[in-house]
Protein backbone atom coordinates (compact mmCIF):
# COMPACT_ATOMS: atom_id res chain seq x y z
CA MET A 1 14.70 32.80 -3.59
CA LYS A 2 13.34 36.25 -2.77
CA THR A 3 15.63 39.00 -1.53
CA ALA A 4 14.06 38.93 1.94
CA GLY A 5 14.68 35.20 2.16
CA LYS A 6 18.32 35.57 1.08
CA ILE A 7 18.91 38.31 3.65
CA SER A 8 17.26 36.26 6.40
CA LEU A 9 19.33 33.19 5.50
CA ALA A 10 22.52 35.28 5.54
CA ILE A 11 21.68 36.73 8.96
CA LEU A 12 20.91 33.28 10.36
CA ILE A 13 24.17 31.89 9.02
CA LEU A 14 26.04 34.83 10.56
CA ILE A 15 24.38 34.32 13.96
CA CYS A 16 25.14 30.59 13.88
CA LEU A 17 28.78 31.16 12.90
CA LEU A 18 29.23 33.76 15.66
CA SER A 19 27.81 31.31 18.19
CA ILE A 20 29.90 28.39 16.95
CA PHE A 21 33.12 30.39 17.03
CA ALA A 22 32.28 32.18 20.29
CA PRO A 23 35.53 31.09 22.03
CA VAL A 24 37.54 32.68 19.22
CA ILE A 25 35.49 35.86 18.87
CA SER A 26 34.78 36.58 22.51
CA GLY A 27 37.54 37.83 24.74
CA TYR A 28 35.71 37.08 27.99
CA ASP A 29 34.54 34.05 29.92
CA PRO A 30 30.71 34.27 29.77
CA ASP A 31 30.38 33.05 33.36
CA ARG A 32 33.20 35.13 34.90
CA VAL A 33 31.92 37.47 37.61
CA ASP A 34 33.66 40.87 37.73
CA LEU A 35 32.53 42.97 40.68
CA ASP A 36 34.51 45.94 39.37
CA SER A 37 32.44 46.10 36.18
CA LEU A 38 28.85 45.91 37.40
CA LYS A 39 26.23 47.12 34.88
CA GLU A 40 28.66 48.99 32.67
CA PRO A 41 26.96 50.54 29.59
CA PRO A 42 28.05 49.52 26.07
CA ALA A 43 31.59 50.69 25.29
CA ILE A 44 34.67 49.57 23.40
CA ARG A 45 35.73 47.27 26.23
CA HIS A 46 32.28 45.69 26.47
CA PRO A 47 30.35 46.29 23.19
CA PHE A 48 27.01 45.21 24.72
CA GLY A 49 27.83 46.29 28.27
CA THR A 50 27.87 44.09 31.37
CA ASP A 51 25.13 42.66 33.57
CA ASN A 52 24.50 42.96 37.30
CA LYS A 53 27.38 40.59 38.03
CA GLY A 54 29.87 42.25 35.71
CA ARG A 55 29.69 39.52 33.08
CA ASP A 56 30.22 40.54 29.46
CA ILE A 57 26.83 40.51 27.72
CA PHE A 58 28.29 40.10 24.22
CA SER A 59 30.09 36.92 25.28
CA ARG A 60 27.00 35.56 27.00
CA ILE A 61 24.88 36.25 23.91
CA LEU A 62 27.35 34.38 21.69
CA TYR A 63 27.52 31.37 24.01
CA GLY A 64 23.79 31.57 24.73
CA GLY A 65 23.08 31.39 21.01
CA ARG A 66 24.61 27.92 20.94
CA ILE A 67 21.96 26.69 23.36
CA SER A 68 18.97 28.75 22.20
CA ILE A 69 19.40 27.96 18.50
CA GLY A 70 20.69 24.43 19.13
CA VAL A 71 17.69 23.53 21.29
CA ALA A 72 15.25 24.95 18.72
CA ILE A 73 16.84 23.10 15.80
CA THR A 74 17.11 19.81 17.71
CA ALA A 75 13.50 20.08 18.85
CA ALA A 76 12.43 20.83 15.27
CA LEU A 77 14.27 17.77 13.97
CA LEU A 78 12.69 15.58 16.65
CA SER A 79 9.24 16.99 15.92
CA MET A 80 9.77 16.51 12.20
CA GLY A 81 10.96 12.92 12.59
CA ILE A 82 8.14 11.85 14.89
CA GLY A 83 5.50 13.72 12.91
CA LEU A 84 6.75 12.29 9.62
CA VAL A 85 6.57 8.66 10.76
CA VAL A 86 3.21 9.11 12.49
CA GLY A 87 1.73 11.06 9.58
CA LEU A 88 2.93 8.50 7.03
CA CYS A 89 1.39 5.61 8.95
CA SER A 90 -1.85 7.47 9.64
CA GLY A 91 -2.42 8.57 6.07
CA TYR A 92 -1.31 5.34 4.40
CA PHE A 93 -3.04 2.73 6.56
CA GLY A 94 -6.19 4.74 7.31
CA GLY A 95 -9.06 3.07 9.14
CA LYS A 96 -8.74 2.52 12.88
CA VAL A 97 -5.06 3.40 12.84
CA ASP A 98 -5.85 6.81 11.34
CA THR A 99 -8.74 7.39 13.73
CA ALA A 100 -6.66 6.61 16.83
CA ILE A 101 -3.70 8.70 15.73
CA MET A 102 -5.81 11.69 14.74
CA ALA A 103 -7.64 11.55 18.07
CA LEU A 104 -4.28 11.86 19.85
CA VAL A 105 -3.18 14.65 17.49
CA ASP A 106 -6.41 16.58 18.04
CA LEU A 107 -6.02 16.18 21.80
CA ILE A 108 -2.51 17.65 21.74
CA LEU A 109 -3.46 20.47 19.38
CA SER A 110 -6.44 21.40 21.57
CA PHE A 111 -4.09 22.67 24.30
CA PRO A 112 -2.15 25.95 24.02
CA SER A 113 1.32 24.80 22.93
CA LEU A 114 3.27 26.95 25.41
CA LEU A 115 1.15 25.88 28.39
CA LEU A 116 1.49 22.22 27.41
CA ALA A 117 5.26 22.64 27.04
CA ILE A 118 5.42 24.27 30.48
CA GLY A 119 3.42 21.40 31.96
CA ILE A 120 5.76 18.82 30.45
CA SER A 121 8.84 20.77 31.57
CA VAL A 122 7.59 20.88 35.15
CA ILE A 123 7.38 17.09 35.29
CA PHE A 124 11.08 16.61 34.56
CA THR A 125 14.22 18.14 36.01
CA PRO A 126 14.79 21.59 34.47
CA GLY A 127 17.53 21.62 31.85
CA ILE A 128 18.36 21.74 28.15
CA TYR A 129 17.15 18.22 27.40
CA THR A 130 13.88 18.84 29.20
CA VAL A 131 13.21 21.83 26.97
CA MET A 132 13.97 19.77 23.86
CA ILE A 133 11.62 17.00 24.98
CA ALA A 134 8.87 19.47 25.91
CA ILE A 135 8.99 21.31 22.58
CA ALA A 136 9.19 18.10 20.53
CA ALA A 137 6.37 16.47 22.53
CA VAL A 138 4.11 19.37 21.58
CA GLY A 139 5.42 20.14 18.09
CA TRP A 140 5.19 16.73 16.39
CA ALA A 141 1.38 16.84 16.18
CA SER A 142 1.26 19.67 13.63
CA PHE A 143 3.81 17.86 11.45
CA ALA A 144 1.80 14.64 11.68
CA ARG A 145 -1.46 16.30 10.68
CA LEU A 146 0.12 17.99 7.68
CA ILE A 147 1.91 14.85 6.44
CA ARG A 148 -1.17 12.72 6.96
CA GLY A 149 -3.27 15.04 4.79
CA TYR A 150 -0.66 14.97 2.03
CA ILE A 151 -0.33 11.16 2.12
CA LEU A 152 -4.11 10.78 1.85
CA SER A 153 -3.90 12.53 -1.51
CA LEU A 154 -1.06 10.25 -2.68
CA ARG A 155 -1.94 6.77 -1.47
CA GLU A 156 -4.29 6.11 -4.42
CA ALA A 157 -1.79 7.45 -6.97
CA LEU A 158 -0.72 5.25 -9.89
CA PHE A 159 2.88 4.91 -8.71
CA ILE A 160 1.65 3.46 -5.40
CA ASP A 161 -0.56 0.94 -7.24
CA ALA A 162 2.42 0.02 -9.40
CA ALA A 163 4.61 -0.48 -6.34
CA LYS A 164 1.99 -2.76 -4.79
CA ALA A 165 1.67 -4.70 -8.05
CA LEU A 166 5.45 -5.27 -8.02
CA GLY A 167 5.17 -6.74 -4.53
CA CYS A 168 6.72 -3.89 -2.55
CA SER A 169 6.18 -4.10 1.19
CA ASN A 170 4.31 -1.42 3.10
CA ALA A 171 7.57 -0.30 4.70
CA ARG A 172 9.22 0.17 1.29
CA ILE A 173 6.23 2.08 -0.04
CA LEU A 174 6.21 4.33 3.03
CA PHE A 175 9.89 5.13 3.28
CA VAL A 176 11.11 4.78 -0.32
CA HIS A 177 8.15 5.94 -2.42
CA LEU A 178 6.13 8.25 -0.17
CA MET A 179 8.62 9.81 2.24
CA PRO A 180 10.72 11.59 -0.45
CA GLN A 181 7.53 13.25 -1.67
CA CYS A 182 7.19 14.93 1.73
CA VAL A 183 10.61 16.66 1.72
CA PRO A 184 9.42 20.06 0.38
CA ILE A 185 6.58 20.16 2.92
CA LEU A 186 8.94 19.24 5.75
CA LEU A 187 11.43 21.96 4.77
CA VAL A 188 8.73 24.62 4.66
CA MET A 189 7.06 23.48 7.88
CA THR A 190 10.37 23.32 9.73
CA GLY A 191 11.27 26.82 8.59
CA LEU A 192 7.92 28.14 9.73
CA ARG A 193 8.06 26.40 13.11
CA LEU A 194 11.65 27.24 14.06
CA GLY A 195 10.80 30.84 14.88
CA GLY A 196 8.14 29.67 17.29
CA TYR A 197 10.53 27.15 18.82
CA ILE A 198 13.06 29.92 19.47
CA LEU A 199 10.37 31.87 21.32
CA THR A 200 9.23 28.78 23.23
CA GLU A 201 12.78 27.98 24.34
CA ALA A 202 13.25 31.60 25.44
CA SER A 203 9.96 31.50 27.35
CA LEU A 204 10.83 28.28 29.16
CA SER A 205 14.30 29.60 30.00
CA PHE A 206 12.75 32.86 31.22
CA LEU A 207 10.59 30.82 33.61
CA GLY A 208 13.63 28.92 34.88
CA LEU A 209 12.71 25.63 33.20
CA GLY A 210 15.59 25.62 30.72
CA ALA A 211 19.36 25.67 31.16
CA GLN A 212 20.23 26.45 34.76
CA PRO A 213 22.52 29.29 35.97
CA PRO A 214 25.21 30.23 35.30
CA THR A 215 24.73 28.77 31.79
CA ALA A 216 23.63 31.55 29.46
CA THR A 217 20.63 31.42 27.16
CA TRP A 218 18.87 34.40 25.67
CA GLY A 219 15.71 33.80 27.67
CA SER A 220 17.50 33.28 30.98
CA MET A 221 19.55 36.45 30.41
CA ILE A 222 16.34 38.48 30.12
CA SER A 223 14.91 36.78 33.19
CA ALA A 224 18.01 37.46 35.28
CA SER A 225 18.15 41.13 34.26
CA ARG A 226 14.47 42.07 34.20
CA ALA A 227 14.76 43.85 37.55
CA TYR A 228 17.33 46.22 36.04
CA ILE A 229 15.41 47.17 32.91
CA SER A 230 15.19 50.80 34.11
CA SER A 231 18.71 51.25 35.45
CA ALA A 232 20.51 49.09 32.87
CA PRO A 233 18.20 48.53 29.86
CA TRP A 234 21.02 47.11 27.71
CA THR A 235 21.06 43.97 29.87
CA VAL A 236 17.61 43.11 28.50
CA LEU A 237 17.70 44.90 25.14
CA PHE A 238 20.45 42.91 23.41
CA PRO A 239 19.25 39.39 24.33
CA GLY A 240 15.73 40.46 23.36
CA LEU A 241 16.94 41.74 19.99
CA MET A 242 18.66 38.43 19.31
CA ILE A 243 15.47 36.50 20.06
CA VAL A 244 13.35 38.77 17.86
CA THR A 245 15.87 38.87 15.00
CA THR A 246 16.39 35.10 14.93
CA ALA A 247 12.69 34.25 15.17
CA LEU A 248 11.81 36.82 12.50
CA CYS A 249 14.49 35.53 10.12
CA PHE A 250 13.27 31.96 10.51
CA ASN A 251 9.69 33.06 9.80
CA ILE A 252 10.71 35.02 6.70
CA LEU A 253 12.79 32.08 5.47
CA GLY A 254 9.85 29.73 6.00
CA ASP A 255 7.50 32.05 4.09
CA THR A 256 10.04 32.28 1.28
CA LEU A 257 10.26 28.49 1.01
CA LYS A 258 6.48 28.26 1.09
CA SER A 259 6.20 30.66 -1.85
CA ARG A 260 8.94 28.85 -3.75
CA TYR A 261 7.26 25.45 -3.47
CA ASN A 262 3.79 27.01 -3.86
CA LEU A 263 2.44 25.31 -0.74
CA ASN A 264 -0.53 26.41 1.33
CA ILE A 265 0.78 25.78 4.83
CA LYS A 266 -0.01 27.61 8.03
CA ALA A 267 2.58 27.82 10.81
């Protein structure tokens, strides 16, 4: 693995560990309002300062990371799972099944992903699970298209003919013989997409469609403090840096995996 990939992986692990162990690391309740500490700049007492309600920004970033990263990873796993099954079936069976599935995939991919996610989020009650569903409902199509193209190149391979000659069922061929071949592609694609999912979750939370107050997420923290960007820029700066850093590290890690497996995949 390249040096950039190792550094990105180390940073991501550090961010995840800080978020997981937030109750141990943080000395403040992320939702506790302190009217005596409104918009305090970064200092020893509050390393990242406080927001307009006196809440410790460092604590809110740690707890918010649980939701922001957790939502992105869960949505990526859902997208990967749906896209894998759909892509396998589309590429292997071909014919009318392939035509119908690809028509649906093309329809989804024809819309801007963020606008489609916003539209889906508006239909349901705002919350964490709504964001997961919205991102997964949009994201599976790119996985399906990629897997389908790869399966088309494999379904006439000799090991598939041998499996059919031995009497293997279609389900066994799909999930025992073909699915393991897709693991490298899935790893690379997931790495490349996670950065975008972090940004999508932050965007939906910024618009008020994600976790509801007082629950902290990086996007909602920026949204709540955007009016104070001039008087208290640290209230927006630190959550923004976390979003940028995490998304960038995921993108670098995905590019590193792509180079390692020598795959030509676009995010």
